[in-house]
Protein backbone atom coordinates (compact mmCIF):
# COMPACT_ATOMS: atom_id res chain seq x y z
CA MET A 1 2.85 -140.73 -24.35
CA LEU A 2 3.46 -144.43 -24.53
CA ALA A 3 6.66 -146.34 -23.79
CA ILE A 4 7.69 -149.98 -24.01
CA CYS A 5 9.79 -151.43 -21.20
CA LYS A 6 13.19 -152.71 -22.30
CA SER A 7 14.59 -153.40 -18.80
CA SER A 8 13.40 -153.60 -15.22
CA LEU A 9 16.84 -153.48 -13.60
CA GLY A 10 19.20 -150.65 -12.74
CA ASP A 11 21.88 -151.95 -15.08
CA ALA A 12 19.99 -150.20 -17.92
CA ILE A 13 20.86 -146.83 -16.36
CA PRO A 14 24.29 -145.46 -17.31
CA LEU A 15 26.58 -145.17 -14.27
CA SER A 16 26.79 -141.39 -14.64
CA LYS A 17 22.96 -141.10 -14.57
CA ARG A 18 22.28 -143.08 -11.40
CA TYR A 19 20.90 -141.30 -8.35
CA LEU A 20 19.61 -142.16 -4.89
CA GLY A 21 21.70 -145.30 -4.56
CA GLU A 22 20.72 -147.02 -7.81
CA VAL A 23 22.91 -150.03 -8.68
CA ASP A 24 22.87 -152.73 -11.37
CA GLN A 25 20.53 -154.85 -9.25
CA THR A 26 18.03 -152.06 -8.46
CA ASP A 27 14.70 -153.71 -9.26
CA TYR A 28 11.99 -151.63 -10.88
CA SER A 29 9.25 -154.20 -10.37
CA PRO A 30 6.47 -154.36 -11.30
CA LEU A 31 7.78 -153.30 -14.73
CA THR A 32 7.62 -156.12 -17.26
CA VAL A 33 10.04 -156.19 -20.18
CA GLY A 34 8.17 -155.97 -23.49
CA GLU A 35 5.03 -154.42 -21.97
CA SER A 36 3.87 -150.92 -22.89
CA TYR A 37 3.15 -148.23 -20.32
CA VAL A 38 1.36 -144.91 -20.47
CA VAL A 39 3.66 -142.08 -19.37
CA TYR A 40 1.65 -139.81 -17.07
CA ALA A 41 4.35 -137.23 -16.37
CA LEU A 42 8.03 -136.40 -16.80
CA LEU A 43 10.43 -135.53 -14.01
CA PHE A 44 13.78 -133.90 -14.77
CA ILE A 45 16.40 -134.86 -12.19
CA PHE A 46 19.88 -133.46 -12.87
CA ASP A 47 20.56 -134.58 -16.44
CA ARG A 48 18.05 -137.42 -16.78
CA VAL A 49 14.31 -137.80 -17.28
CA ASP A 50 12.10 -140.15 -15.28
CA PHE A 51 8.64 -141.30 -16.36
CA LEU A 52 5.59 -141.59 -14.12
CA VAL A 53 4.16 -144.98 -15.10
CA ARG A 54 1.74 -147.49 -13.68
CA ALA A 55 1.60 -151.26 -13.94
CA PRO A 56 -1.87 -152.89 -13.85
CA GLY A 57 -3.25 -153.05 -10.32
CA GLN A 58 -0.37 -150.96 -8.91
CA PRO A 59 -0.03 -147.33 -7.84
CA PRO A 60 2.02 -145.10 -10.16
CA PHE A 61 5.75 -144.72 -9.64
CA TRP A 62 8.73 -142.91 -11.16
CA ALA A 63 11.11 -144.95 -13.30
CA PRO A 64 14.15 -143.78 -15.27
CA SER A 65 13.46 -143.22 -18.96
CA TYR A 66 16.49 -145.42 -19.69
CA MET A 67 14.26 -148.40 -18.90
CA PHE A 68 12.02 -147.64 -21.91
CA ASP A 69 11.76 -146.90 -25.60
CA LEU A 70 9.14 -144.31 -26.50
CA ILE A 71 6.66 -145.63 -29.03
CA ASN A 72 4.42 -142.57 -28.98
CA SER A 73 5.98 -139.27 -27.90
CA GLU A 74 2.87 -137.14 -28.29
CA VAL A 75 2.38 -134.94 -25.23
CA PRO A 76 -1.17 -135.20 -23.85
CA ALA A 77 -3.37 -132.10 -24.06
CA GLY A 78 -3.56 -130.18 -20.82
CA TRP A 79 -0.14 -131.07 -19.42
CA GLU A 80 1.48 -128.30 -17.38
CA PHE A 81 5.02 -127.46 -16.34
CA CYS A 82 6.49 -126.82 -12.87
CA ILE A 83 9.90 -125.21 -12.38
CA THR A 84 10.67 -126.57 -8.93
CA GLN A 85 13.33 -124.09 -7.82
CA SER A 86 10.94 -121.17 -8.39
CA THR A 87 7.83 -122.75 -6.84
CA THR A 88 7.58 -122.48 -3.06
CA ASP A 89 6.54 -126.02 -2.06
CA TYR A 90 8.29 -127.81 -4.91
CA LYS A 91 11.61 -126.06 -4.19
CA ALA A 92 12.29 -128.75 -1.58
CA LEU A 93 12.53 -131.29 -4.42
CA PHE A 94 15.23 -129.22 -6.09
CA ASP A 95 17.14 -128.65 -2.86
CA ALA A 96 17.01 -132.27 -1.65
CA PHE A 97 17.08 -134.32 -4.87
CA GLY A 98 18.09 -132.06 -7.78
CA ILE A 99 14.65 -132.31 -9.38
CA SER A 100 14.40 -129.19 -11.52
CA TYR A 101 11.19 -129.66 -13.54
CA ILE A 102 8.01 -131.70 -13.55
CA PHE A 103 5.85 -131.84 -16.67
CA GLY A 104 2.50 -133.59 -16.44
CA TYR A 105 -1.13 -133.42 -15.48
CA SER A 106 -2.32 -130.30 -13.64
CA LEU A 107 -2.87 -131.84 -10.21
CA LEU A 108 0.68 -133.22 -10.11
CA VAL A 109 2.41 -129.94 -10.95
CA ASN A 110 0.16 -127.63 -8.93
CA GLU A 111 -0.49 -129.53 -5.69
CA TYR A 112 2.71 -130.47 -3.93
CA GLN A 113 0.83 -132.65 -1.44
CA HIS A 114 -0.48 -134.74 -4.35
CA TYR A 115 3.07 -135.21 -5.67
CA VAL A 116 4.33 -136.29 -2.22
CA GLY A 117 1.27 -138.51 -1.70
CA LEU A 118 1.95 -140.39 -4.95
CA VAL A 119 5.59 -140.93 -4.07
CA GLU A 120 4.55 -142.21 -0.63
CA ARG A 121 1.66 -144.22 -2.14
CA GLU A 122 -0.94 -142.58 0.08
CA PRO A 123 -4.33 -144.13 -0.78
CA GLN A 124 -6.15 -140.79 -1.08
CA GLU A 125 -3.61 -139.39 -3.56
CA VAL A 126 -3.43 -142.64 -5.53
CA HIS A 127 -7.25 -142.45 -5.76
CA ARG A 128 -7.03 -138.86 -7.02
CA PHE A 129 -4.49 -140.01 -9.61
CA LEU A 130 -6.77 -142.86 -10.73
CA GLU A 131 -9.66 -140.41 -11.10
CA ARG A 132 -7.45 -138.25 -13.30
CA VAL A 133 -6.40 -141.26 -15.37
CA GLN A 134 -10.07 -142.06 -15.92
CA VAL A 135 -10.60 -138.52 -17.26
CA TYR A 136 -7.71 -139.07 -19.71
CA LYS A 137 -9.30 -142.30 -20.93
CA GLU A 138 -12.56 -140.45 -21.64
CA ASP A 139 -10.85 -137.61 -23.57
């Protein structure tokens, strides 16, 4: 999947779709308007979808899909699906944040510690992500 950034500020997110304190001025740097980003996973939180993206030289992060226009919606081969409320470790995401599904590469949806490590930008998990990205580039 590939998306082009149309905004890097929270004002692109409809008021009814904002979560975790997002406001008009919420800054989604290092997104750059007009740049394209590979979408590495999808996260379904309440009634919105967030994309796992990565800017050059940065660790990956979740950004609301409202910040982008999809230019290639083809789902990569090998993506898997996690229903958070029925998966022991991931259930905490549903209970605390309303995240109901994650759709993406195997490591992300099967190893909760990897998911948490990416969110917290832990070097070991970012490295594991980058290794996985390299595999995608070779496919």
